[in-house]
Amino acid sequence: MNIDAIVRLVLMLGIPAFMMWREYKKMSEEERNDVKTYFTSKRFISTIGLVTLGWVFFLLGPIFEMTWMETIGVALLSIGIMLGIVLTWLDVSSKWRAVLKTITLLIAFSILLWTNK
């Protein structure tokens, strides 16, 4: 097992997941229902859900030394980012903001892939 990959997984997924769980416990019942509704929406699942699932596969690949997991992770991550870009483009009132968000997402994705290999 690759210890560096395990540390990366804990830092990039474990800590944010723990912080979100802690904040969820502090919410009122109405806020919790709003969060549940938002997290189960088709838009959230098709964008953030795919990105998160891809990120998990991408981080688990080096731990188990399976390149196919990384490949699946990059594919899911790419699909989620592309859907996010399209939905942002359709929803935003100013196309300039959509262009800035798109460029930011593409730069972040490029850096992610460049630093991993």
Protein backbone atom coordinates (compact mmCIF):
# COMPACT_ATOMS: atom_id res chain seq x y z
CA MET A 1 0.00 0.00 0.00
CA ASN A 2 1.07 3.52 -0.74
CA ILE A 3 1.18 5.53 2.51
CA ASP A 4 1.35 8.87 0.65
CA ALA A 5 -1.89 8.03 -1.17
CA ILE A 6 -3.61 7.13 2.11
CA VAL A 7 -2.55 10.44 3.67
CA ARG A 8 -3.79 12.29 0.56
CA LEU A 9 -7.15 10.48 0.80
CA VAL A 10 -7.56 11.36 4.47
CA LEU A 11 -6.59 14.99 3.95
CA MET A 12 -8.69 15.58 0.84
CA LEU A 13 -11.79 13.60 1.77
CA GLY A 14 -11.71 12.73 5.45
CA ILE A 15 -11.25 16.17 6.92
CA PRO A 16 -13.91 17.91 4.73
CA ALA A 17 -16.35 15.05 5.35
CA PHE A 18 -15.84 15.32 9.10
CA MET A 19 -16.32 19.11 9.01
CA MET A 20 -19.53 18.78 6.98
CA TRP A 21 -20.87 16.09 9.35
CA ARG A 22 -20.12 18.33 12.34
CA GLU A 23 -21.93 21.30 10.78
CA TYR A 24 -24.86 19.09 9.78
CA LYS A 25 -25.31 18.06 13.41
CA LYS A 26 -25.53 21.74 14.43
CA MET A 27 -28.36 22.49 11.96
CA SER A 28 -32.02 22.79 12.85
CA GLU A 29 -34.48 20.23 11.52
CA GLU A 30 -35.69 22.60 8.78
CA GLU A 31 -32.13 23.26 7.60
CA ARG A 32 -31.41 19.52 7.58
CA ASN A 33 -34.45 18.91 5.38
CA ASP A 34 -33.28 21.64 2.99
CA VAL A 35 -29.85 20.02 2.79
CA LYS A 36 -31.37 16.58 2.16
CA THR A 37 -33.57 18.01 -0.60
CA TYR A 38 -30.61 19.77 -2.22
CA PHE A 39 -28.29 16.73 -1.99
CA THR A 40 -30.89 14.46 -3.60
CA SER A 41 -31.67 16.81 -6.49
CA LYS A 42 -30.79 15.67 -10.01
CA ARG A 43 -28.60 18.69 -10.58
CA PHE A 44 -26.48 18.04 -7.48
CA ILE A 45 -26.09 14.33 -8.21
CA SER A 46 -25.16 14.89 -11.85
CA THR A 47 -22.52 17.52 -11.08
CA ILE A 48 -21.13 17.47 -7.55
CA GLY A 49 -22.00 13.80 -7.07
CA LEU A 50 -20.09 12.71 -10.16
CA VAL A 51 -17.14 14.92 -9.30
CA THR A 52 -17.01 13.52 -5.76
CA LEU A 53 -17.35 9.91 -6.89
CA GLY A 54 -14.65 10.47 -9.51
CA TRP A 55 -12.43 12.07 -6.88
CA VAL A 56 -12.87 9.04 -4.59
CA PHE A 57 -11.94 6.59 -7.36
CA PHE A 58 -9.06 8.84 -8.38
CA LEU A 59 -7.67 8.86 -4.83
CA LEU A 60 -8.29 5.14 -4.20
CA GLY A 61 -6.47 4.05 -7.37
CA PRO A 62 -2.92 4.61 -6.05
CA ILE A 63 -3.77 3.02 -2.68
CA PHE A 64 -4.73 -0.29 -4.25
CA GLU A 65 -2.34 0.19 -7.19
CA MET A 66 -5.13 -0.19 -9.75
CA THR A 67 -4.80 2.15 -12.70
CA TRP A 68 -8.31 1.31 -13.91
CA MET A 69 -9.72 2.97 -10.78
CA GLU A 70 -7.82 6.15 -11.59
CA THR A 71 -9.08 6.01 -15.18
CA ILE A 72 -12.69 5.62 -14.05
CA GLY A 73 -12.15 8.44 -11.55
CA VAL A 74 -10.82 10.81 -14.19
CA ALA A 75 -13.71 9.91 -16.53
CA LEU A 76 -16.35 10.57 -13.85
CA LEU A 77 -14.57 13.73 -12.78
CA SER A 78 -14.49 14.97 -16.39
CA ILE A 79 -18.17 14.22 -16.97
CA GLY A 80 -19.16 15.99 -13.74
CA ILE A 81 -17.07 19.05 -14.57
CA MET A 82 -18.45 19.24 -18.11
CA LEU A 83 -22.03 18.97 -16.85
CA GLY A 84 -21.29 21.64 -14.26
CA ILE A 85 -19.92 23.93 -16.98
CA VAL A 86 -22.98 23.41 -19.18
CA LEU A 87 -25.44 23.97 -16.35
CA THR A 88 -23.55 27.06 -15.21
CA TRP A 89 -23.63 28.43 -18.75
CA LEU A 90 -27.38 27.86 -19.00
CA ASP A 91 -28.26 29.34 -15.59
CA VAL A 92 -26.00 32.35 -15.19
CA SER A 93 -27.32 35.77 -16.19
CA SER A 94 -23.91 37.15 -17.16
CA LYS A 95 -22.03 34.98 -19.65
CA TRP A 96 -18.80 36.63 -18.52
CA ARG A 97 -19.16 34.91 -15.12
CA ALA A 98 -19.76 31.60 -16.85
CA VAL A 99 -16.58 32.02 -18.88
CA LEU A 100 -14.58 32.83 -15.73
CA LYS A 101 -15.99 29.79 -13.91
CA THR A 102 -15.27 27.58 -16.90
CA ILE A 103 -11.69 28.75 -17.18
CA THR A 104 -11.19 28.28 -13.44
CA LEU A 105 -12.57 24.73 -13.53
CA LEU A 106 -10.45 23.78 -16.53
CA ILE A 107 -7.28 25.17 -14.94
CA ALA A 108 -8.01 23.33 -11.68
CA PHE A 109 -8.66 20.08 -13.53
CA SER A 110 -5.45 20.47 -15.58
CA ILE A 111 -3.40 21.11 -12.44
CA LEU A 112 -4.99 18.09 -10.76
CA LEU A 113 -4.05 15.77 -13.61
CA TRP A 114 -0.59 17.32 -14.04
CA THR A 115 0.39 17.01 -10.36
CA ASN A 116 -0.84 13.44 -9.98
CA LYS A 117 1.49 11.90 -12.56
